[in-house]
């Protein structure tokens, strides 16, 4: 397996790609579960479905923040174009993590399948 350093330009798109994969997976899973076996409405927001999707969201957000941190650490060690790639990728990873948190909040705070 090839490990791409944070100075590689591919990191400029990985964060938003991971966010979009998370978004499609979480909201598709929510839709499928709601169509097949919806939880009882009186259960409120604390259902197994919301806990599972919230856990996936938490893991994704933490992973993106860890990638942002790694990009910041690498950016401190480089100059020029390499520093630019590492810095911008770190910000895009952080932006994607905020996107996961923002889009994931309804998952854990609103009863599913309304």
PDB file of N, CA and C in Angstrom:
ATOM      1  N   UNK A   1       0.838  -1.177   0.000  1.00  0.00           N
ATOM      2  CA  UNK A   1       0.000   0.000   0.000  1.00  0.00           C
ATOM      3  C   UNK A   1       0.885   1.244   0.000  1.00  0.00           C
ATOM      4  N   UNK A   2       0.548   2.194  -0.827  1.00  0.00           N
ATOM      5  CA  UNK A   2       1.309   3.429  -0.937  1.00  0.00           C
ATOM      6  C   UNK A   2       0.729   4.455   0.038  1.00  0.00           C
ATOM      7  N   UNK A   3       1.601   5.056   0.809  1.00  0.00           N
ATOM      8  CA  UNK A   3       1.176   6.082   1.758  1.00  0.00           C
ATOM      9  C   UNK A   3       1.502   7.443   1.154  1.00  0.00           C
ATOM     10  N   UNK A   4       0.489   8.255   0.980  1.00  0.00           N
ATOM     11  CA  UNK A   4       0.684   9.570   0.399  1.00  0.00           C
ATOM     12  C   UNK A   4       0.916  10.591   1.501  1.00  0.00           C
ATOM     13  N   UNK A   5       2.009  11.299   1.389  1.00  0.00           N
ATOM     14  CA  UNK A   5       2.364  12.325   2.362  1.00  0.00           C
ATOM     15  C   UNK A   5       1.361  13.474   2.284  1.00  0.00           C
ATOM     16  N   UNK A   6       1.188  14.197   3.370  1.00  0.00           N
ATOM     17  CA  UNK A   6       0.230  15.300   3.405  1.00  0.00           C
ATOM     18  C   UNK A   6       0.579  16.420   2.424  1.00  0.00           C
ATOM     19  N   UNK A   7       1.762  16.408   1.871  1.00  0.00           N
ATOM     20  CA  UNK A   7       2.123  17.421   0.892  1.00  0.00           C
ATOM     21  C   UNK A   7       1.659  17.041  -0.516  1.00  0.00           C
ATOM     22  N   UNK A   8       1.124  15.852  -0.677  1.00  0.00           N
ATOM     23  CA  UNK A   8       0.635  15.411  -1.982  1.00  0.00           C
ATOM     24  C   UNK A   8      -0.688  16.117  -2.285  1.00  0.00           C
ATOM     25  N   UNK A   9      -0.882  16.585  -3.523  1.00  0.00           N
ATOM     26  CA  UNK A   9      -2.106  17.326  -3.858  1.00  0.00           C
ATOM     27  C   UNK A   9      -3.403  16.519  -3.747  1.00  0.00           C
ATOM     28  N   UNK A  10      -3.327  15.202  -3.733  1.00  0.00           N
ATOM     29  CA  UNK A  10      -4.542  14.395  -3.622  1.00  0.00           C
ATOM     30  C   UNK A  10      -5.292  14.690  -2.329  1.00  0.00           C
ATOM     31  N   UNK A  11      -4.563  15.136  -1.319  1.00  0.00           N
ATOM     32  CA  UNK A  11      -5.212  15.449  -0.040  1.00  0.00           C
ATOM     33  C   UNK A  11      -6.153  16.640  -0.149  1.00  0.00           C
ATOM     34  N   UNK A  12      -6.041  17.412  -1.213  1.00  0.00           N
ATOM     35  CA  UNK A  12      -6.941  18.543  -1.403  1.00  0.00           C
ATOM     36  C   UNK A  12      -8.380  18.094  -1.668  1.00  0.00           C
ATOM     37  N   UNK A  13      -8.571  16.861  -2.126  1.00  0.00           N
ATOM     38  CA  UNK A  13      -9.929  16.386  -2.398  1.00  0.00           C
ATOM     39  C   UNK A  13     -10.382  15.258  -1.472  1.00  0.00           C
ATOM     40  N   UNK A  14      -9.466  14.678  -0.725  1.00  0.00           N
ATOM     41  CA  UNK A  14      -9.834  13.520   0.102  1.00  0.00           C
ATOM     42  C   UNK A  14     -10.834  13.905   1.197  1.00  0.00           C
ATOM     43  N   UNK A  15     -10.651  15.043   1.856  1.00  0.00           N
ATOM     44  CA  UNK A  15     -11.547  15.427   2.948  1.00  0.00           C
ATOM     45  C   UNK A  15     -12.985  15.568   2.505  1.00  0.00           C
ATOM     46  N   UNK A  16     -13.208  16.289   1.428  1.00  0.00           N
ATOM     47  CA  UNK A  16     -14.574  16.471   0.940  1.00  0.00           C
ATOM     48  C   UNK A  16     -15.137  15.185   0.355  1.00  0.00           C
ATOM     49  N   UNK A  17     -14.266  14.338  -0.187  1.00  0.00           N
ATOM     50  CA  UNK A  17     -14.719  13.038  -0.683  1.00  0.00           C
ATOM     51  C   UNK A  17     -15.168  12.157   0.480  1.00  0.00           C
ATOM     52  N   UNK A  18     -14.398  12.149   1.566  1.00  0.00           N
ATOM     53  CA  UNK A  18     -14.807  11.378   2.744  1.00  0.00           C
ATOM     54  C   UNK A  18     -16.118  11.905   3.317  1.00  0.00           C
ATOM     55  N   UNK A  19     -16.265  13.229   3.337  1.00  0.00           N
ATOM     56  CA  UNK A  19     -17.517  13.808   3.825  1.00  0.00           C
ATOM     57  C   UNK A  19     -18.687  13.358   2.958  1.00  0.00           C
ATOM     58  N   UNK A  20     -18.523  13.389   1.648  1.00  0.00           N
ATOM     59  CA  UNK A  20     -19.632  13.001   0.770  1.00  0.00           C
ATOM     60  C   UNK A  20     -19.957  11.520   0.905  1.00  0.00           C
ATOM     61  N   UNK A  21     -18.946  10.670   1.068  1.00  0.00           N
ATOM     62  CA  UNK A  21     -19.205   9.243   1.293  1.00  0.00           C
ATOM     63  C   UNK A  21     -19.944   9.025   2.603  1.00  0.00           C
ATOM     64  N   UNK A  22     -19.539   9.758   3.655  1.00  0.00           N
ATOM     65  CA  UNK A  22     -20.234   9.663   4.932  1.00  0.00           C
ATOM     66  C   UNK A  22     -21.691  10.081   4.763  1.00  0.00           C
ATOM     67  N   UNK A  23     -21.916  11.203   4.087  1.00  0.00           N
ATOM     68  CA  UNK A  23     -23.266  11.732   3.912  1.00  0.00           C
ATOM     69  C   UNK A  23     -24.162  10.730   3.191  1.00  0.00           C
ATOM     70  N   UNK A  24     -23.662  10.183   2.088  1.00  0.00           N
ATOM     71  CA  UNK A  24     -24.448   9.216   1.317  1.00  0.00           C
ATOM     72  C   UNK A  24     -24.713   7.963   2.143  1.00  0.00           C
ATOM     73  N   UNK A  25     -23.703   7.453   2.828  1.00  0.00           N
ATOM     74  CA  UNK A  25     -23.871   6.218   3.608  1.00  0.00           C
ATOM     75  C   UNK A  25     -24.847   6.409   4.771  1.00  0.00           C
ATOM     76  N   UNK A  26     -24.694   7.503   5.507  1.00  0.00           N
ATOM     77  CA  UNK A  26     -25.534   7.705   6.693  1.00  0.00           C
ATOM     78  C   UNK A  26     -26.994   7.958   6.303  1.00  0.00           C
ATOM     79  N   UNK A  27     -27.210   8.855   5.376  1.00  0.00           N
ATOM     80  CA  UNK A  27     -28.589   9.168   5.030  1.00  0.00           C
ATOM     81  C   UNK A  27     -29.241   8.089   4.177  1.00  0.00           C
ATOM     82  N   UNK A  28     -28.469   7.306   3.419  1.00  0.00           N
ATOM     83  CA  UNK A  28     -29.043   6.144   2.727  1.00  0.00           C
ATOM     84  C   UNK A  28     -29.427   5.083   3.741  1.00  0.00           C
ATOM     85  N   UNK A  29     -28.524   4.848   4.701  1.00  0.00           N
ATOM     86  CA  UNK A  29     -28.838   3.874   5.743  1.00  0.00           C
ATOM     87  C   UNK A  29     -30.066   4.270   6.533  1.00  0.00           C
ATOM     88  N   UNK A  30     -30.176   5.547   6.851  1.00  0.00           N
ATOM     89  CA  UNK A  30     -31.358   6.036   7.564  1.00  0.00           C
ATOM     90  C   UNK A  30     -32.613   5.805   6.740  1.00  0.00           C
ATOM     91  N   UNK A  31     -32.565   6.083   5.451  1.00  0.00           N
ATOM     92  CA  UNK A  31     -33.731   5.905   4.586  1.00  0.00           C
ATOM     93  C   UNK A  31     -34.111   4.438   4.455  1.00  0.00           C
ATOM     94  N   UNK A  32     -33.127   3.565   4.319  1.00  0.00           N
ATOM     95  CA  UNK A  32     -33.414   2.136   4.178  1.00  0.00           C
ATOM     96  C   UNK A  32     -34.029   1.590   5.452  1.00  0.00           C
ATOM     97  N   UNK A  33     -33.462   1.936   6.596  1.00  0.00           N
ATOM     98  CA  UNK A  33     -34.011   1.441   7.865  1.00  0.00           C
ATOM     99  C   UNK A  33     -35.419   1.979   8.072  1.00  0.00           C
ATOM    100  N   UNK A  34     -35.647   3.228   7.725  1.00  0.00           N
ATOM    101  CA  UNK A  34     -36.992   3.798   7.881  1.00  0.00           C
ATOM    102  C   UNK A  34     -37.995   3.131   6.954  1.00  0.00           C
ATOM    103  N   UNK A  35     -37.560   2.664   5.804  1.00  0.00           N
ATOM    104  CA  UNK A  35     -38.455   1.984   4.875  1.00  0.00           C
ATOM    105  C   UNK A  35     -38.712   0.539   5.279  1.00  0.00           C
ATOM    106  N   UNK A  36     -37.718  -0.120   5.856  1.00  0.00           N
ATOM    107  CA  UNK A  36     -37.824  -1.543   6.168  1.00  0.00           C
ATOM    108  C   UNK A  36     -38.382  -1.781   7.570  1.00  0.00           C
ATOM    109  N   UNK A  37     -37.786  -1.174   8.573  1.00  0.00           N
ATOM    110  CA  UNK A  37     -38.191  -1.416   9.962  1.00  0.00           C
ATOM    111  C   UNK A  37     -38.051  -0.132  10.766  1.00  0.00           C
ATOM    112  N   UNK A  38     -38.990   0.790  10.610  1.00  0.00           N
ATOM    113  CA  UNK A  38     -38.863   2.069  11.337  1.00  0.00           C
ATOM    114  C   UNK A  38     -39.027   1.885  12.844  1.00  0.00           C
ATOM    115  N   UNK A  39     -38.245   2.622  13.622  1.00  0.00           N
ATOM    116  CA  UNK A  39     -38.430   2.566  15.071  1.00  0.00           C
ATOM    117  C   UNK A  39     -39.738   3.239  15.470  1.00  0.00           C
ATOM    118  N   UNK A  40     -40.226   2.905  16.633  1.00  0.00           N
ATOM    119  CA  UNK A  40     -41.480   3.501  17.108  1.00  0.00           C
ATOM    120  C   UNK A  40     -41.303   5.000  17.330  1.00  0.00           C
ATOM    121  N   UNK A  41     -42.285   5.803  16.897  1.00  0.00           N
ATOM    122  CA  UNK A  41     -42.160   7.256  17.062  1.00  0.00           C
ATOM    123  C   UNK A  41     -42.091   7.689  18.530  1.00  0.00           C
ATOM    124  N   UNK A  42     -42.728   6.951  19.407  1.00  0.00           N
ATOM    125  CA  UNK A  42     -42.700   7.339  20.818  1.00  0.00           C
ATOM    126  C   UNK A  42     -41.361   7.042  21.497  1.00  0.00           C
ATOM    127  N   UNK A  43     -40.460   6.389  20.786  1.00  0.00           N
ATOM    128  CA  UNK A  43     -39.130   6.125  21.339  1.00  0.00           C
ATOM    129  C   UNK A  43     -38.298   7.399  21.415  1.00  0.00           C
ATOM    130  N   UNK A  44     -38.675   8.417  20.657  1.00  0.00           N
ATOM    131  CA  UNK A  44     -37.933   9.678  20.688  1.00  0.00           C
ATOM    132  C   UNK A  44     -36.656   9.596  19.866  1.00  0.00           C
ATOM    133  N   UNK A  45     -35.741  10.455  20.216  1.00  0.00           N
ATOM    134  CA  UNK A  45     -34.501  10.532  19.444  1.00  0.00           C
ATOM    135  C   UNK A  45     -33.475   9.493  19.860  1.00  0.00           C
ATOM    136  N   UNK A  46     -33.638   8.905  21.028  1.00  0.00           N
ATOM    137  CA  UNK A  46     -32.658   7.935  21.517  1.00  0.00           C
ATOM    138  C   UNK A  46     -33.068   6.528  21.091  1.00  0.00           C
ATOM    139  N   UNK A  47     -32.815   6.218  19.833  1.00  0.00           N
ATOM    140  CA  UNK A  47     -33.092   4.882  19.310  1.00  0.00           C
ATOM    141  C   UNK A  47     -31.767   4.238  18.916  1.00  0.00           C
ATOM    142  N   UNK A  48     -31.805   2.946  18.708  1.00  0.00           N
ATOM    143  CA  UNK A  48     -30.600   2.248  18.273  1.00  0.00           C
ATOM    144  C   UNK A  48     -30.091   2.785  16.947  1.00  0.00           C
ATOM    145  N   UNK A  49     -31.017   3.153  16.071  1.00  0.00           N
ATOM    146  CA  UNK A  49     -30.640   3.703  14.773  1.00  0.00           C
ATOM    147  C   UNK A  49     -29.892   5.022  14.938  1.00  0.00           C
ATOM    148  N   UNK A  50     -30.416   5.915  15.758  1.00  0.00           N
ATOM    149  CA  UNK A  50     -29.750   7.202  15.967  1.00  0.00           C
ATOM    150  C   UNK A  50     -28.404   7.036  16.660  1.00  0.00           C
ATOM    151  N   UNK A  51     -28.324   6.111  17.594  1.00  0.00           N
ATOM    152  CA  UNK A  51     -27.056   5.875  18.292  1.00  0.00           C
ATOM    153  C   UNK A  51     -26.008   5.328  17.318  1.00  0.00           C
ATOM    154  N   UNK A  52     -26.408   4.387  16.464  1.00  0.00           N
ATOM    155  CA  UNK A  52     -25.463   3.816  15.495  1.00  0.00           C
ATOM    156  C   UNK A  52     -24.999   4.873  14.491  1.00  0.00           C
ATOM    157  N   UNK A  53     -25.930   5.635  13.960  1.00  0.00           N
ATOM    158  CA  UNK A  53     -25.558   6.666  12.987  1.00  0.00           C
ATOM    159  C   UNK A  53     -24.777   7.792  13.643  1.00  0.00           C
ATOM    160  N   UNK A  54     -25.106   8.108  14.888  1.00  0.00           N
ATOM    161  CA  UNK A  54     -24.330   9.104  15.625  1.00  0.00           C
ATOM    162  C   UNK A  54     -22.915   8.615  15.885  1.00  0.00           C
ATOM    163  N   UNK A  55     -22.763   7.327  16.173  1.00  0.00           N
ATOM    164  CA  UNK A  55     -21.434   6.755  16.376  1.00  0.00           C
ATOM    165  C   UNK A  55     -20.590   6.795  15.108  1.00  0.00           C
ATOM    166  N   UNK A  56     -21.202   6.462  13.975  1.00  0.00           N
ATOM    167  CA  UNK A  56     -20.498   6.544  12.694  1.00  0.00           C
ATOM    168  C   UNK A  56     -20.093   7.988  12.422  1.00  0.00           C
ATOM    169  N   UNK A  57     -20.986   8.918  12.735  1.00  0.00           N
ATOM    170  CA  UNK A  57     -20.687  10.337  12.528  1.00  0.00           C
ATOM    171  C   UNK A  57     -19.543  10.792  13.421  1.00  0.00           C
ATOM    172  N   UNK A  58     -19.544  10.349  14.661  1.00  0.00           N
ATOM    173  CA  UNK A  58     -18.479  10.721  15.596  1.00  0.00           C
ATOM    174  C   UNK A  58     -17.126  10.183  15.132  1.00  0.00           C
ATOM    175  N   UNK A  59     -17.113   8.931  14.717  1.00  0.00           N
ATOM    176  CA  UNK A  59     -15.866   8.321  14.240  1.00  0.00           C
ATOM    177  C   UNK A  59     -15.350   9.056  13.007  1.00  0.00           C
ATOM    178  N   UNK A  60     -16.252   9.398  12.101  1.00  0.00           N
ATOM    179  CA  UNK A  60     -15.858  10.119  10.889  1.00  0.00           C
ATOM    180  C   UNK A  60     -15.311  11.495  11.230  1.00  0.00           C
ATOM    181  N   UNK A  61     -16.000  12.225  12.109  1.00  0.00           N
ATOM    182  CA  UNK A  61     -15.549  13.569  12.485  1.00  0.00           C
ATOM    183  C   UNK A  61     -14.190  13.517  13.178  1.00  0.00           C
ATOM    184  N   UNK A  62     -13.999  12.572  14.069  1.00  0.00           N
ATOM    185  CA  UNK A  62     -12.714  12.446  14.770  1.00  0.00           C
ATOM    186  C   UNK A  62     -11.601  12.089  13.782  1.00  0.00           C
ATOM    187  N   UNK A  63     -11.898  11.207  12.836  1.00  0.00           N
ATOM    188  CA  UNK A  63     -10.912  10.859  11.827  1.00  0.00           C
ATOM    189  C   UNK A  63     -10.517  12.051  10.970  1.00  0.00           C
ATOM    190  N   UNK A  64     -11.494  12.860  10.587  1.00  0.00           N
ATOM    191  CA  UNK A  64     -11.195  14.046   9.782  1.00  0.00           C
ATOM    192  C   UNK A  64     -10.399  15.079  10.585  1.00  0.00           C
ATOM    193  N   UNK A  65     -10.721  15.225  11.862  1.00  0.00           N
ATOM    194  CA  UNK A  65      -9.950  16.147  12.704  1.00  0.00           C
ATOM    195  C   UNK A  65      -8.517  15.639  12.860  1.00  0.00           C
ATOM    196  N   UNK A  66      -8.350  14.333  12.996  1.00  0.00           N
ATOM    197  CA  UNK A  66      -6.996  13.766  13.095  1.00  0.00           C
ATOM    198  C   UNK A  66      -6.203  14.013  11.809  1.00  0.00           C
ATOM    199  N   UNK A  67      -6.858  13.882  10.662  1.00  0.00           N
ATOM    200  CA  UNK A  67      -6.183  14.178   9.394  1.00  0.00           C
ATOM    201  C   UNK A  67      -5.829  15.662   9.302  1.00  0.00           C
ATOM    202  N   UNK A  68      -6.712  16.534   9.784  1.00  0.00           N
ATOM    203  CA  UNK A  68      -6.423  17.974   9.791  1.00  0.00           C
ATOM    204  C   UNK A  68      -5.213  18.262  10.673  1.00  0.00           C
ATOM    205  N   UNK A  69      -5.163  17.627  11.827  1.00  0.00           N
ATOM    206  CA  UNK A  69      -4.033  17.810  12.742  1.00  0.00           C
ATOM    207  C   UNK A  69      -2.737  17.357  12.084  1.00  0.00           C
ATOM    208  N   UNK A  70      -2.788  16.205  11.422  1.00  0.00           N
ATOM    209  CA  UNK A  70      -1.604  15.705  10.734  1.00  0.00           C
ATOM    210  C   UNK A  70      -1.147  16.658   9.642  1.00  0.00           C
ATOM    211  N   UNK A  71      -2.085  17.216   8.903  1.00  0.00           N
ATOM    212  CA  UNK A  71      -1.732  18.183   7.866  1.00  0.00           C
ATOM    213  C   UNK A  71      -1.089  19.424   8.449  1.00  0.00           C
ATOM    214  N   UNK A  72      -1.583  19.890   9.584  1.00  0.00           N
ATOM    215  CA  UNK A  72      -0.980  21.069  10.249  1.00  0.00           C
ATOM    216  C   UNK A  72       0.440  20.772  10.701  1.00  0.00           C
ATOM    217  N   UNK A  73       0.657  19.598  11.245  1.00  0.00           N
ATOM    218  CA  UNK A  73       1.993  19.233  11.715  1.00  0.00           C
ATOM    219  C   UNK A  73       2.977  19.145  10.554  1.00  0.00           C
ATOM    220  N   UNK A  74       2.541  18.590   9.439  1.00  0.00           N
ATOM    221  CA  UNK A  74       3.411  18.474   8.271  1.00  0.00           C
ATOM    222  C   UNK A  74       3.670  19.850   7.665  1.00  0.00           C
ATOM    223  N   UNK A  75       2.661  20.724   7.662  1.00  0.00           N
ATOM    224  CA  UNK A  75       2.822  22.067   7.082  1.00  0.00           C
ATOM    225  C   UNK A  75       3.905  22.863   7.815  1.00  0.00           C
ATOM    226  N   UNK A  76       4.053  22.630   9.110  1.00  0.00           N
ATOM    227  CA  UNK A  76       5.071  23.347   9.888  1.00  0.00           C
ATOM    228  C   UNK A  76       6.492  22.963   9.474  1.00  0.00           C
ATOM    229  N   UNK A  77       6.639  21.790   8.861  1.00  0.00           N
ATOM    230  CA  UNK A  77       7.966  21.274   8.522  1.00  0.00           C
ATOM    231  C   UNK A  77       8.391  21.584   7.091  1.00  0.00           C
ATOM    232  N   UNK A  78       7.510  22.184   6.291  1.00  0.00           N
ATOM    233  CA  UNK A  78       7.815  22.409   4.878  1.00  0.00           C
ATOM    234  C   UNK A  78       7.654  23.877   4.506  1.00  0.00           C
ATOM    235  N   UNK A  79       8.126  24.188   3.320  1.00  0.00           N
ATOM    236  CA  UNK A  79       8.029  25.539   2.764  1.00  0.00           C
ATOM    237  C   UNK A  79       7.468  25.447   1.345  1.00  0.00           C
ATOM    238  N   UNK A  80       7.022  26.581   0.820  1.00  0.00           N
ATOM    239  CA  UNK A  80       6.605  26.656  -0.577  1.00  0.00           C
ATOM    240  C   UNK A  80       5.338  25.883  -0.875  1.00  0.00           C
ATOM    241  N   UNK A  81       5.351  25.221  -2.032  1.00  0.00           N
ATOM    242  CA  UNK A  81       4.171  24.506  -2.519  1.00  0.00           C
ATOM    243  C   UNK A  81       3.765  23.364  -1.588  1.00  0.00           C
ATOM    244  N   UNK A  82       4.763  22.678  -1.028  1.00  0.00           N
ATOM    245  CA  UNK A  82       4.443  21.575  -0.116  1.00  0.00           C
ATOM    246  C   UNK A  82       3.705  22.084   1.115  1.00  0.00           C
ATOM    247  N   UNK A  83       4.142  23.213   1.639  1.00  0.00           N
ATOM    248  CA  UNK A  83       3.458  23.802   2.788  1.00  0.00           C
ATOM    249  C   UNK A  83       2.037  24.216   2.413  1.00  0.00           C
ATOM    250  N   UNK A  84       1.884  24.788   1.221  1.00  0.00           N
ATOM    251  CA  UNK A  84       0.563  25.192   0.748  1.00  0.00           C
ATOM    252  C   UNK A  84      -0.379  23.999   0.680  1.00  0.00           C
ATOM    253  N   UNK A  85       0.070  22.894   0.077  1.00  0.00           N
ATOM    254  CA  UNK A  85      -0.781  21.710  -0.045  1.00  0.00           C
ATOM    255  C   UNK A  85      -1.164  21.152   1.325  1.00  0.00           C
ATOM    256  N   UNK A  86      -0.203  21.080   2.211  1.00  0.00           N
ATOM    257  CA  UNK A  86      -0.490  20.547   3.550  1.00  0.00           C
ATOM    258  C   UNK A  86      -1.442  21.459   4.317  1.00  0.00           C
ATOM    259  N   UNK A  87      -1.250  22.773   4.222  1.00  0.00           N
ATOM    260  CA  UNK A  87      -2.097  23.714   4.951  1.00  0.00           C
ATOM    261  C   UNK A  87      -3.523  23.717   4.416  1.00  0.00           C
ATOM    262  N   UNK A  88      -3.660  23.800   3.104  1.00  0.00           N
ATOM    263  CA  UNK A  88      -5.004  23.820   2.521  1.00  0.00           C
ATOM    264  C   UNK A  88      -5.709  22.500   2.771  1.00  0.00           C
ATOM    265  N   UNK A  89      -4.979  21.375   2.652  1.00  0.00           N
ATOM    266  CA  UNK A  89      -5.636  20.097   2.933  1.00  0.00           C
ATOM    267  C   UNK A  89      -6.089  20.005   4.382  1.00  0.00           C
ATOM    268  N   UNK A  90      -5.277  20.525   5.303  1.00  0.00           N
ATOM    269  CA  UNK A  90      -5.673  20.501   6.715  1.00  0.00           C
ATOM    270  C   UNK A  90      -6.952  21.296   6.916  1.00  0.00           C
ATOM    271  N   UNK A  91      -7.023  22.481   6.305  1.00  0.00           N
ATOM    272  CA  UNK A  91      -8.248  23.280   6.431  1.00  0.00           C
ATOM    273  C   UNK A  91      -9.446  22.585   5.797  1.00  0.00           C
ATOM    274  N   UNK A  92      -9.246  21.904   4.671  1.00  0.00           N
ATOM    275  CA  UNK A  92     -10.350  21.186   4.041  1.00  0.00           C
ATOM    276  C   UNK A  92     -10.789  19.982   4.867  1.00  0.00           C
ATOM    277  N   UNK A  93      -9.839  19.315   5.518  1.00  0.00           N
ATOM    278  CA  UNK A  93     -10.214  18.229   6.428  1.00  0.00           C
ATOM    279  C   UNK A  93     -11.033  18.783   7.597  1.00  0.00           C
ATOM    280  N   UNK A  94     -10.594  19.913   8.134  1.00  0.00           N
ATOM    281  CA  UNK A  94     -11.327  20.519   9.245  1.00  0.00           C
ATOM    282  C   UNK A  94     -12.713  20.979   8.800  1.00  0.00           C
ATOM    283  N   UNK A  95     -12.812  21.589   7.636  1.00  0.00           N
ATOM    284  CA  UNK A  95     -14.087  22.006   7.080  1.00  0.00           C
ATOM    285  C   UNK A  95     -15.014  20.802   6.910  1.00  0.00           C
ATOM    286  N   UNK A  96     -14.476  19.686   6.432  1.00  0.00           N
ATOM    287  CA  UNK A  96     -15.262  18.468   6.259  1.00  0.00           C
ATOM    288  C   UNK A  96     -15.726  17.915   7.600  1.00  0.00           C
ATOM    289  N   UNK A  97     -14.878  18.011   8.622  1.00  0.00           N
ATOM    290  CA  UNK A  97     -15.266  17.549   9.959  1.00  0.00           C
ATOM    291  C   UNK A  97     -16.422  18.396  10.491  1.00  0.00           C
ATOM    292  N   UNK A  98     -16.354  19.715  10.289  1.00  0.00           N
ATOM    293  CA  UNK A  98     -17.469  20.568  10.705  1.00  0.00           C
ATOM    294  C   UNK A  98     -18.727  20.229   9.917  1.00  0.00           C
ATOM    295  N   UNK A  99     -18.577  19.870   8.657  1.00  0.00           N
ATOM    296  CA  UNK A  99     -19.721  19.447   7.850  1.00  0.00           C
ATOM    297  C   UNK A  99     -20.366  18.183   8.395  1.00  0.00           C
ATOM    298  N   UNK A 100     -19.545  17.252   8.850  1.00  0.00           N
ATOM    299  CA  UNK A 100     -20.078  16.022   9.458  1.00  0.00           C
ATOM    300  C   UNK A 100     -20.835  16.362  10.732  1.00  0.00           C
ATOM    301  N   UNK A 101     -20.263  17.212  11.553  1.00  0.00           N
ATOM    302  CA  UNK A 101     -20.925  17.582  12.812  1.00  0.00           C
ATOM    303  C   UNK A 101     -22.231  18.317  12.526  1.00  0.00           C
ATOM    304  N   UNK A 102     -22.193  19.277  11.607  1.00  0.00           N
ATOM    305  CA  UNK A 102     -23.382  20.068  11.299  1.00  0.00           C
ATOM    306  C   UNK A 102     -24.494  19.210  10.701  1.00  0.00           C
ATOM    307  N   UNK A 103     -24.168  18.368   9.731  1.00  0.00           N
ATOM    308  CA  UNK A 103     -25.183  17.520   9.104  1.00  0.00           C
ATOM    309  C   UNK A 103     -25.573  16.343   9.986  1.00  0.00           C
ATOM    310  N   UNK A 104     -24.699  15.978  10.932  1.00  0.00           N
ATOM    311  CA  UNK A 104     -24.998  14.858  11.819  1.00  0.00           C
ATOM    312  C   UNK A 104     -25.825  15.222  13.039  1.00  0.00           C
ATOM    313  N   UNK A 105     -25.899  16.498  13.366  1.00  0.00           N
ATOM    314  CA  UNK A 105     -26.676  16.905  14.548  1.00  0.00           C
ATOM    315  C   UNK A 105     -28.142  16.484  14.484  1.00  0.00           C
ATOM    316  N   UNK A 106     -28.838  16.624  13.341  1.00  0.00           N
ATOM    317  CA  UNK A 106     -30.222  16.150  13.306  1.00  0.00           C
ATOM    318  C   UNK A 106     -30.354  14.651  13.535  1.00  0.00           C
ATOM    319  N   UNK A 107     -29.308  13.910  13.211  1.00  0.00           N
ATOM    320  CA  UNK A 107     -29.364  12.461  13.390  1.00  0.00           C
ATOM    321  C   UNK A 107     -29.508  12.105  14.867  1.00  0.00           C
ATOM    322  N   UNK A 108     -28.786  12.815  15.715  1.00  0.00           N
ATOM    323  CA  UNK A 108     -28.828  12.452  17.134  1.00  0.00           C
ATOM    324  C   UNK A 108     -29.850  13.262  17.931  1.00  0.00           C
ATOM    325  N   UNK A 109     -30.432  14.291  17.334  1.00  0.00           N
ATOM    326  CA  UNK A 109     -31.343  15.132  18.111  1.00  0.00           C
ATOM    327  C   UNK A 109     -32.803  15.052  17.675  1.00  0.00           C
ATOM    328  N   UNK A 110     -33.076  14.464  16.516  1.00  0.00           N
ATOM    329  CA  UNK A 110     -34.434  14.393  16.007  1.00  0.00           C
ATOM    330  C   UNK A 110     -34.856  12.916  15.918  1.00  0.00           C
ATOM    331  N   UNK A 111     -36.064  12.587  16.325  1.00  0.00           N
ATOM    332  CA  UNK A 111     -36.522  11.202  16.173  1.00  0.00           C
ATOM    333  C   UNK A 111     -36.464  10.797  14.698  1.00  0.00           C
ATOM    334  N   UNK A 112     -36.005   9.587  14.418  1.00  0.00           N
ATOM    335  CA  UNK A 112     -35.879   9.169  13.014  1.00  0.00           C
ATOM    336  C   UNK A 112     -37.248   8.871  12.388  1.00  0.00           C
ATOM    337  N   UNK A 113     -37.263   8.861  11.091  1.00  0.00           N
ATOM    338  CA  UNK A 113     -38.424   8.430  10.305  1.00  0.00           C
ATOM    339  C   UNK A 113     -39.676   9.267  10.528  1.00  0.00           C
ATOM    340  N   UNK A 114     -39.533  10.556  10.707  1.00  0.00           N
ATOM    341  CA  UNK A 114     -40.715  11.411  10.874  1.00  0.00           C
ATOM    342  C   UNK A 114     -41.332  11.761   9.556  1.00  0.00           C
TER     343      UNK A 114
END
